PDB file of all heavy atoms in Angstrom:
ATOM      1  N   ILE A   1     138.136  76.684 179.560  1.00  0.00           N
ATOM      2  CA  ILE A   1     137.755  76.236 178.222  1.00  0.00           C
ATOM      3  C   ILE A   1     138.945  75.594 177.527  1.00  0.00           C
ATOM      4  O   ILE A   1     140.093  75.766 177.954  1.00  0.00           O
ATOM      5  CB  ILE A   1     137.204  77.396 177.361  1.00  0.00           C
ATOM      6  CG1 ILE A   1     138.292  78.436 177.103  1.00  0.00           C
ATOM      7  CG2 ILE A   1     135.985  78.022 177.996  1.00  0.00           C
ATOM      8  CD1 ILE A   1     137.892  79.484 176.088  1.00  0.00           C
ATOM      9  N   SER A   2     138.664  74.842 176.465  1.00  0.00           N
ATOM     10  CA  SER A   2     139.715  74.196 175.686  1.00  0.00           C
ATOM     11  C   SER A   2     139.337  74.270 174.209  1.00  0.00           C
ATOM     12  O   SER A   2     138.174  74.091 173.856  1.00  0.00           O
ATOM     13  CB  SER A   2     139.873  72.733 176.109  1.00  0.00           C
ATOM     14  OG  SER A   2     140.679  72.021 175.170  1.00  0.00           O
ATOM     15  N   PRO A   3     140.332  74.503 173.323  1.00  0.00           N
ATOM     16  CA  PRO A   3     140.031  74.569 171.889  1.00  0.00           C
ATOM     17  C   PRO A   3     139.899  73.189 171.245  1.00  0.00           C
ATOM     18  O   PRO A   3     139.526  73.083 170.075  1.00  0.00           O
ATOM     19  CB  PRO A   3     141.237  75.319 171.313  1.00  0.00           C
ATOM     20  CG  PRO A   3     142.354  74.993 172.244  1.00  0.00           C
ATOM     21  CD  PRO A   3     141.736  74.846 173.609  1.00  0.00           C
ATOM     22  N   GLN A   4     140.224  72.113 172.003  1.00  0.00           N
ATOM     23  CA  GLN A   4     140.151  70.766 171.429  1.00  0.00           C
ATOM     24  C   GLN A   4     138.688  70.354 171.299  1.00  0.00           C
ATOM     25  O   GLN A   4     137.954  70.300 172.288  1.00  0.00           O
ATOM     26  CB  GLN A   4     140.908  69.775 172.307  1.00  0.00           C
ATOM     27  CG  GLN A   4     141.013  68.384 171.697  1.00  0.00           C
ATOM     28  CD  GLN A   4     141.902  67.472 172.508  1.00  0.00           C
ATOM     29  OE1 GLN A   4     142.611  67.929 173.391  1.00  0.00           O
ATOM     30  NE2 GLN A   4     141.860  66.190 172.224  1.00  0.00           N
ATOM     31  N   PRO A   5     138.229  70.040 170.096  1.00  0.00           N
ATOM     32  CA  PRO A   5     136.797  69.788 169.898  1.00  0.00           C
ATOM     33  C   PRO A   5     136.357  68.403 170.351  1.00  0.00           C
ATOM     34  O   PRO A   5     137.150  67.478 170.468  1.00  0.00           O
ATOM     35  CB  PRO A   5     136.631  69.945 168.384  1.00  0.00           C
ATOM     36  CG  PRO A   5     137.956  69.555 167.813  1.00  0.00           C
ATOM     37  CD  PRO A   5     138.974  69.991 168.828  1.00  0.00           C
ATOM     38  N   ILE A   6     135.059  68.288 170.597  1.00  0.00           N
ATOM     39  CA  ILE A   6     134.392  67.001 170.805  1.00  0.00           C
ATOM     40  C   ILE A   6     133.611  66.700 169.530  1.00  0.00           C
ATOM     41  O   ILE A   6     132.848  67.544 169.053  1.00  0.00           O
ATOM     42  CB  ILE A   6     133.438  67.042 172.012  1.00  0.00           C
ATOM     43  CG1 ILE A   6     134.202  67.364 173.291  1.00  0.00           C
ATOM     44  CG2 ILE A   6     132.677  65.731 172.149  1.00  0.00           C
ATOM     45  CD1 ILE A   6     133.303  67.554 174.503  1.00  0.00           C
ATOM     46  N   ASN A   7     133.808  65.526 168.972  1.00  0.00           N
ATOM     47  CA  ASN A   7     133.091  65.140 167.752  1.00  0.00           C
ATOM     48  C   ASN A   7     131.961  64.184 168.109  1.00  0.00           C
ATOM     49  O   ASN A   7     132.201  63.099 168.646  1.00  0.00           O
ATOM     50  CB  ASN A   7     134.046  64.472 166.756  1.00  0.00           C
ATOM     51  CG  ASN A   7     135.008  65.458 166.124  1.00  0.00           C
ATOM     52  OD1 ASN A   7     135.859  66.025 166.798  1.00  0.00           O
ATOM     53  ND2 ASN A   7     134.870  65.677 164.837  1.00  0.00           N
ATOM     54  N   LEU A   8     130.737  64.600 167.809  1.00  0.00           N
ATOM     55  CA  LEU A   8     129.555  63.799 168.111  1.00  0.00           C
ATOM     56  C   LEU A   8     128.736  63.602 166.850  1.00  0.00           C
ATOM     57  O   LEU A   8     128.400  64.573 166.163  1.00  0.00           O
ATOM     58  CB  LEU A   8     128.715  64.490 169.191  1.00  0.00           C
ATOM     59  CG  LEU A   8     127.329  63.896 169.469  1.00  0.00           C
ATOM     60  CD1 LEU A   8     127.454  62.459 169.998  1.00  0.00           C
ATOM     61  CD2 LEU A   8     126.554  64.781 170.446  1.00  0.00           C
ATOM     62  N   ARG A   9     128.391  62.354 166.544  1.00  0.00           N
ATOM     63  CA  ARG A   9     127.488  62.042 165.435  1.00  0.00           C
ATOM     64  C   ARG A   9     126.154  61.595 166.014  1.00  0.00           C
ATOM     65  O   ARG A   9     126.115  60.793 166.951  1.00  0.00           O
ATOM     66  CB  ARG A   9     128.041  60.909 164.577  1.00  0.00           C
ATOM     67  CG  ARG A   9     129.283  61.220 163.803  1.00  0.00           C
ATOM     68  CD  ARG A   9     129.705  59.951 163.094  1.00  0.00           C
ATOM     69  NE  ARG A   9     130.927  60.125 162.327  1.00  0.00           N
ATOM     70  CZ  ARG A   9     131.603  59.118 161.775  1.00  0.00           C
ATOM     71  NH1 ARG A   9     131.165  57.879 161.918  1.00  0.00           N
ATOM     72  NH2 ARG A   9     132.697  59.339 161.086  1.00  0.00           N
ATOM     73  N   ILE A  10     125.091  62.092 165.428  1.00  0.00           N
ATOM     74  CA  ILE A  10     123.752  61.646 165.820  1.00  0.00           C
ATOM     75  C   ILE A  10     123.052  61.096 164.579  1.00  0.00           C
ATOM     76  O   ILE A  10     122.898  61.803 163.577  1.00  0.00           O
ATOM     77  CB  ILE A  10     122.939  62.785 166.458  1.00  0.00           C
ATOM     78  CG1 ILE A  10     123.565  63.174 167.804  1.00  0.00           C
ATOM     79  CG2 ILE A  10     121.481  62.385 166.626  1.00  0.00           C
ATOM     80  CD1 ILE A  10     122.864  64.285 168.532  1.00  0.00           C
ATOM     81  N   PHE A  11     122.678  59.836 164.666  1.00  0.00           N
ATOM     82  CA  PHE A  11     121.970  59.170 163.571  1.00  0.00           C
ATOM     83  C   PHE A  11     120.483  59.138 163.925  1.00  0.00           C
ATOM     84  O   PHE A  11     120.109  58.673 165.013  1.00  0.00           O
ATOM     85  CB  PHE A  11     122.489  57.744 163.391  1.00  0.00           C
ATOM     86  CG  PHE A  11     123.942  57.662 163.027  1.00  0.00           C
ATOM     87  CD1 PHE A  11     124.931  57.737 163.997  1.00  0.00           C
ATOM     88  CD2 PHE A  11     124.332  57.504 161.704  1.00  0.00           C
ATOM     89  CE1 PHE A  11     126.270  57.660 163.663  1.00  0.00           C
ATOM     90  CE2 PHE A  11     125.675  57.426 161.352  1.00  0.00           C
ATOM     91  CZ  PHE A  11     126.650  57.509 162.335  1.00  0.00           C
ATOM     92  N   SER A  12     119.637  59.623 163.019  1.00  0.00           N
ATOM     93  CA  SER A  12     118.204  59.681 163.318  1.00  0.00           C
ATOM     94  C   SER A  12     117.403  59.853 162.036  1.00  0.00           C
ATOM     95  O   SER A  12     117.861  60.542 161.113  1.00  0.00           O
ATOM     96  CB  SER A  12     117.916  60.852 164.272  1.00  0.00           C
ATOM     97  OG  SER A  12     116.534  61.068 164.401  1.00  0.00           O
ATOM     98  N   PRO A  13     116.216  59.262 161.978  1.00  0.00           N
ATOM     99  CA  PRO A  13     115.332  59.519 160.830  1.00  0.00           C
ATOM    100  C   PRO A  13     114.651  60.882 160.922  1.00  0.00           C
ATOM    101  O   PRO A  13     114.001  61.315 159.967  1.00  0.00           O
ATOM    102  CB  PRO A  13     114.313  58.374 160.915  1.00  0.00           C
ATOM    103  CG  PRO A  13     114.280  58.014 162.363  1.00  0.00           C
ATOM    104  CD  PRO A  13     115.666  58.246 162.890  1.00  0.00           C
ATOM    105  N   ASN A  14     114.824  61.555 162.054  1.00  0.00           N
ATOM    106  CA  ASN A  14     114.118  62.820 162.299  1.00  0.00           C
ATOM    107  C   ASN A  14     114.994  64.052 162.083  1.00  0.00           C
ATOM    108  O   ASN A  14     114.584  65.158 162.413  1.00  0.00           O
ATOM    109  CB  ASN A  14     113.570  62.834 163.737  1.00  0.00           C
ATOM    110  CG  ASN A  14     112.685  61.646 164.013  1.00  0.00           C
ATOM    111  OD1 ASN A  14     111.846  61.276 163.176  1.00  0.00           O
ATOM    112  ND2 ASN A  14     112.855  61.025 165.183  1.00  0.00           N
ATOM    113  N   VAL A  15     116.219  63.855 161.575  1.00  0.00           N
ATOM    114  CA  VAL A  15     117.102  65.001 161.331  1.00  0.00           C
ATOM    115  C   VAL A  15     117.453  65.066 159.855  1.00  0.00           C
ATOM    116  O   VAL A  15     117.408  64.057 159.138  1.00  0.00           O
ATOM    117  CB  VAL A  15     118.406  64.907 162.165  1.00  0.00           C
ATOM    118  CG1 VAL A  15     118.102  64.920 163.643  1.00  0.00           C
ATOM    119  CG2 VAL A  15     119.225  63.684 161.779  1.00  0.00           C
ATOM    120  N   LEU A  16     117.812  66.270 159.424  1.00  0.00           N
ATOM    121  CA  LEU A  16     118.392  66.436 158.097  1.00  0.00           C
ATOM    122  C   LEU A  16     119.906  66.302 158.231  1.00  0.00           C
ATOM    123  O   LEU A  16     120.485  66.719 159.248  1.00  0.00           O
ATOM    124  CB  LEU A  16     118.038  67.805 157.524  1.00  0.00           C
ATOM    125  CG  LEU A  16     116.570  68.032 157.158  1.00  0.00           C
ATOM    126  CD1 LEU A  16     116.355  69.482 156.751  1.00  0.00           C
ATOM    127  CD2 LEU A  16     116.148  67.103 156.027  1.00  0.00           C
ATOM    128  N   THR A  17     120.533  65.720 157.215  1.00  0.00           N
ATOM    129  CA  THR A  17     121.996  65.595 157.261  1.00  0.00           C
ATOM    130  C   THR A  17     122.612  66.988 157.304  1.00  0.00           C
ATOM    131  O   THR A  17     122.386  67.814 156.416  1.00  0.00           O
ATOM    132  CB  THR A  17     122.501  64.821 156.039  1.00  0.00           C
ATOM    133  OG1 THR A  17     121.912  63.518 156.061  1.00  0.00           O
ATOM    134  CG2 THR A  17     124.011  64.688 156.071  1.00  0.00           C
ATOM    135  N   LEU A  18     123.368  67.234 158.369  1.00  0.00           N
ATOM    136  CA  LEU A  18     123.836  68.594 158.634  1.00  0.00           C
ATOM    137  C   LEU A  18     125.032  68.524 159.571  1.00  0.00           C
ATOM    138  O   LEU A  18     125.150  67.612 160.379  1.00  0.00           O
ATOM    139  CB  LEU A  18     122.694  69.388 159.290  1.00  0.00           C
ATOM    140  CG  LEU A  18     122.780  70.908 159.369  1.00  0.00           C
ATOM    141  CD1 LEU A  18     122.863  71.512 157.982  1.00  0.00           C
ATOM    142  CD2 LEU A  18     121.559  71.446 160.105  1.00  0.00           C
ATOM    143  N   THR A  19     125.950  69.478 159.453  1.00  0.00           N
ATOM    144  CA  THR A  19     127.092  69.558 160.369  1.00  0.00           C
ATOM    145  C   THR A  19     127.141  70.947 160.994  1.00  0.00           C
ATOM    146  O   THR A  19     127.138  71.957 160.282  1.00  0.00           O
ATOM    147  CB  THR A  19     128.420  69.281 159.648  1.00  0.00           C
ATOM    148  OG1 THR A  19     128.366  67.986 159.053  1.00  0.00           O
ATOM    149  CG2 THR A  19     129.590  69.327 160.617  1.00  0.00           C
ATOM    150  N   LEU A  20     127.157  70.989 162.314  1.00  0.00           N
ATOM    151  CA  LEU A  20     127.185  72.248 163.060  1.00  0.00           C
ATOM    152  C   LEU A  20     128.346  72.222 164.043  1.00  0.00           C
ATOM    153  O   LEU A  20     128.677  71.161 164.595  1.00  0.00           O
ATOM    154  CB  LEU A  20     125.876  72.447 163.832  1.00  0.00           C
ATOM    155  CG  LEU A  20     124.580  72.465 163.009  1.00  0.00           C
ATOM    156  CD1 LEU A  20     123.400  72.119 163.881  1.00  0.00           C
ATOM    157  CD2 LEU A  20     124.379  73.827 162.369  1.00  0.00           C
ATOM    158  N   VAL A  21     128.950  73.378 164.264  1.00  0.00           N
ATOM    159  CA  VAL A  21     129.997  73.501 165.279  1.00  0.00           C
ATOM    160  C   VAL A  21     129.482  74.436 166.363  1.00  0.00           C
ATOM    161  O   VAL A  21     129.318  75.641 166.149  1.00  0.00           O
ATOM    162  CB  VAL A  21     131.309  74.054 164.687  1.00  0.00           C
ATOM    163  CG1 VAL A  21     132.380  74.131 165.774  1.00  0.00           C
ATOM    164  CG2 VAL A  21     131.791  73.190 163.537  1.00  0.00           C
ATOM    165  N   ASP A  22     129.186  73.874 167.528  1.00  0.00           N
ATOM    166  CA  ASP A  22     128.684  74.670 168.647  1.00  0.00           C
ATOM    167  C   ASP A  22     129.871  75.205 169.438  1.00  0.00           C
ATOM    168  O   ASP A  22     130.708  74.435 169.916  1.00  0.00           O
ATOM    169  CB  ASP A  22     127.785  73.801 169.531  1.00  0.00           C
ATOM    170  CG  ASP A  22     127.161  74.604 170.666  1.00  0.00           C
ATOM    171  OD1 ASP A  22     127.030  75.841 170.508  1.00  0.00           O
ATOM    172  OD2 ASP A  22     126.812  74.002 171.702  1.00  0.00           O
ATOM    173  N   LEU A  23     129.937  76.521 169.567  1.00  0.00           N
ATOM    174  CA  LEU A  23     131.062  77.167 170.251  1.00  0.00           C
ATOM    175  C   LEU A  23     130.615  77.730 171.597  1.00  0.00           C
ATOM    176  O   LEU A  23     129.422  78.024 171.791  1.00  0.00           O
ATOM    177  CB  LEU A  23     131.634  78.283 169.378  1.00  0.00           C
ATOM    178  CG  LEU A  23     132.245  77.805 168.053  1.00  0.00           C
ATOM    179  CD1 LEU A  23     132.533  78.979 167.131  1.00  0.00           C
ATOM    180  CD2 LEU A  23     133.520  77.009 168.303  1.00  0.00           C
ATOM    181  N   PRO A  24     131.553  77.915 172.544  1.00  0.00           N
ATOM    182  CA  PRO A  24     131.178  78.462 173.857  1.00  0.00           C
ATOM    183  C   PRO A  24     130.463  79.800 173.730  1.00  0.00           C
ATOM    184  O   PRO A  24     130.766  80.605 172.847  1.00  0.00           O
ATOM    185  CB  PRO A  24     132.528  78.620 174.570  1.00  0.00           C
ATOM    186  CG  PRO A  24     133.416  77.618 173.916  1.00  0.00           C
ATOM    187  CD  PRO A  24     132.979  77.574 172.483  1.00  0.00           C
ATOM    188  N   GLY A  25     129.503  80.017 174.631  1.00  0.00           N
ATOM    189  CA  GLY A  25     128.764  81.281 174.617  1.00  0.00           C
ATOM    190  C   GLY A  25     129.629  82.435 175.080  1.00  0.00           C
ATOM    191  O   GLY A  25     130.479  82.289 175.959  1.00  0.00           O
ATOM    192  N   LEU A  26     129.397  83.584 174.466  1.00  0.00           N
ATOM    193  CA  LEU A  26     130.174  84.778 174.810  1.00  0.00           C
ATOM    194  C   LEU A  26     129.825  85.254 176.216  1.00  0.00           C
ATOM    195  O   LEU A  26     128.662  85.295 176.607  1.00  0.00           O
ATOM    196  CB  LEU A  26     129.888  85.890 173.793  1.00  0.00           C
ATOM    197  CG  LEU A  26     130.454  85.636 172.387  1.00  0.00           C
ATOM    198  CD1 LEU A  26     129.694  86.436 171.352  1.00  0.00           C
ATOM    199  CD2 LEU A  26     131.923  85.975 172.355  1.00  0.00           C
ATOM    200  N   THR A  27     130.861  85.593 176.973  1.00  0.00           N
ATOM    201  CA  THR A  27     130.677  86.115 178.322  1.00  0.00           C
ATOM    202  C   THR A  27     131.574  87.321 178.505  1.00  0.00           C
ATOM    203  O   THR A  27     132.537  87.511 177.758  1.00  0.00           O
ATOM    204  CB  THR A  27     131.001  85.044 179.379  1.00  0.00           C
ATOM    205  OG1 THR A  27     130.712  85.557 180.675  1.00  0.00           O
ATOM    206  CG2 THR A  27     132.471  84.648 179.308  1.00  0.00           C
ATOM    207  N   LYS A  28     131.281  88.140 179.484  1.00  0.00           N
ATOM    208  CA  LYS A  28     132.069  89.363 179.695  1.00  0.00           C
ATOM    209  C   LYS A  28     132.764  89.382 181.047  1.00  0.00           C
ATOM    210  O   LYS A  28     133.847  89.935 181.179  1.00  0.00           O
ATOM    211  CB  LYS A  28     131.160  90.594 179.562  1.00  0.00           C
ATOM    212  CG  LYS A  28     130.592  90.772 178.154  1.00  0.00           C
ATOM    213  CD  LYS A  28     129.835  92.090 178.039  1.00  0.00           C
ATOM    214  CE  LYS A  28     129.243  92.245 176.643  1.00  0.00           C
ATOM    215  NZ  LYS A  28     130.275  92.268 175.590  1.00  0.00           N
ATOM    216  N   VAL A  29     132.137  88.792 182.086  1.00  0.00           N
ATOM    217  CA  VAL A  29     132.686  88.884 183.437  1.00  0.00           C
ATOM    218  C   VAL A  29     133.014  87.484 183.950  1.00  0.00           C
ATOM    219  O   VAL A  29     132.155  86.593 183.912  1.00  0.00           O
ATOM    220  CB  VAL A  29     131.678  89.557 184.399  1.00  0.00           C
ATOM    221  CG1 VAL A  29     132.272  89.660 185.803  1.00  0.00           C
ATOM    222  CG2 VAL A  29     131.285  90.927 183.873  1.00  0.00           C
ATOM    223  N   PRO A  30     134.264  87.238 184.395  1.00  0.00           N
ATOM    224  CA  PRO A  30     134.615  85.930 184.957  1.00  0.00           C
ATOM    225  C   PRO A  30     133.780  85.640 186.200  1.00  0.00           C
ATOM    226  O   PRO A  30     133.542  86.520 187.032  1.00  0.00           O
ATOM    227  CB  PRO A  30     136.095  86.078 185.307  1.00  0.00           C
ATOM    228  CG  PRO A  30     136.576  87.271 184.550  1.00  0.00           C
ATOM    229  CD  PRO A  30     135.400  88.171 184.402  1.00  0.00           C
ATOM    230  N   VAL A  31     133.329  84.391 186.338  1.00  0.00           N
ATOM    231  CA  VAL A  31     132.515  83.991 187.482  1.00  0.00           C
ATOM    232  C   VAL A  31     133.206  82.827 188.180  1.00  0.00           C
ATOM    233  O   VAL A  31     133.690  81.903 187.523  1.00  0.00           O
ATOM    234  CB  VAL A  31     131.095  83.579 187.025  1.00  0.00           C
ATOM    235  CG1 VAL A  31     130.278  83.093 188.208  1.00  0.00           C
ATOM    236  CG2 VAL A  31     130.406  84.733 186.326  1.00  0.00           C
ATOM    237  N   GLY A  32     133.224  82.876 189.515  1.00  0.00           N
ATOM    238  CA  GLY A  32     133.788  81.773 190.276  1.00  0.00           C
ATOM    239  C   GLY A  32     135.253  81.556 189.964  1.00  0.00           C
ATOM    240  O   GLY A  32     136.085  82.466 190.058  1.00  0.00           O
ATOM    241  N   ASP A  33     135.588  80.308 189.569  1.00  0.00           N
ATOM    242  CA  ASP A  33     136.981  79.938 189.295  1.00  0.00           C
ATOM    243  C   ASP A  33     137.391  80.173 187.851  1.00  0.00           C
ATOM    244  O   ASP A  33     138.460  79.719 187.423  1.00  0.00           O
ATOM    245  CB  ASP A  33     137.199  78.459 189.623  1.00  0.00           C
ATOM    246  CG  ASP A  33     137.074  78.179 191.112  1.00  0.00           C
ATOM    247  OD1 ASP A  33     137.332  79.119 191.896  1.00  0.00           O
ATOM    248  OD2 ASP A  33     136.707  77.050 191.475  1.00  0.00           O
ATOM    249  N   GLN A  34     136.553  80.873 187.095  1.00  0.00           N
ATOM    250  CA  GLN A  34     136.899  81.098 185.688  1.00  0.00           C
ATOM    251  C   GLN A  34     138.170  81.948 185.572  1.00  0.00           C
ATOM    252  O   GLN A  34     138.404  82.831 186.400  1.00  0.00           O
ATOM    253  CB  GLN A  34     135.756  81.819 184.969  1.00  0.00           C
ATOM    254  CG  GLN A  34     134.533  80.962 184.750  1.00  0.00           C
ATOM    255  CD  GLN A  34     133.421  81.732 184.060  1.00  0.00           C
ATOM    256  OE1 GLN A  34     133.527  82.943 183.842  1.00  0.00           O
ATOM    257  NE2 GLN A  34     132.351  81.033 183.718  1.00  0.00           N
ATOM    258  N   PRO A  35     138.991  81.680 184.562  1.00  0.00           N
ATOM    259  CA  PRO A  35     140.192  82.505 184.360  1.00  0.00           C
ATOM    260  C   PRO A  35     139.819  83.974 184.160  1.00  0.00           C
ATOM    261  O   PRO A  35     138.747  84.292 183.626  1.00  0.00           O
ATOM    262  CB  PRO A  35     140.808  81.916 183.083  1.00  0.00           C
ATOM    263  CG  PRO A  35     140.230  80.542 182.961  1.00  0.00           C
ATOM    264  CD  PRO A  35     138.870  80.599 183.564  1.00  0.00           C
ATOM    265  N   LYS A  36     140.727  84.855 184.572  1.00  0.00           N
ATOM    266  CA  LYS A  36     140.452  86.290 184.465  1.00  0.00           C
ATOM    267  C   LYS A  36     140.282  86.739 183.015  1.00  0.00           C
ATOM    268  O   LYS A  36     139.570  87.693 182.729  1.00  0.00           O
ATOM    269  CB  LYS A  36     141.582  87.091 185.127  1.00  0.00           C
ATOM    270  CG  LYS A  36     141.757  86.816 186.606  1.00  0.00           C
ATOM    271  CD  LYS A  36     140.503  87.144 187.405  1.00  0.00           C
ATOM    272  CE  LYS A  36     140.708  86.882 188.900  1.00  0.00           C
ATOM    273  NZ  LYS A  36     139.466  87.109 189.666  1.00  0.00           N
TER     274      LYS A  36
END
């Protein structure tokens, strides 16, 4: 994972003007090559 954000704007007549920050989902056990 990285703390550097990705900034995405979506323009649409079907959305309300809103700003959300989506963060990585919480996990408990490392899988595969994930850091310990």
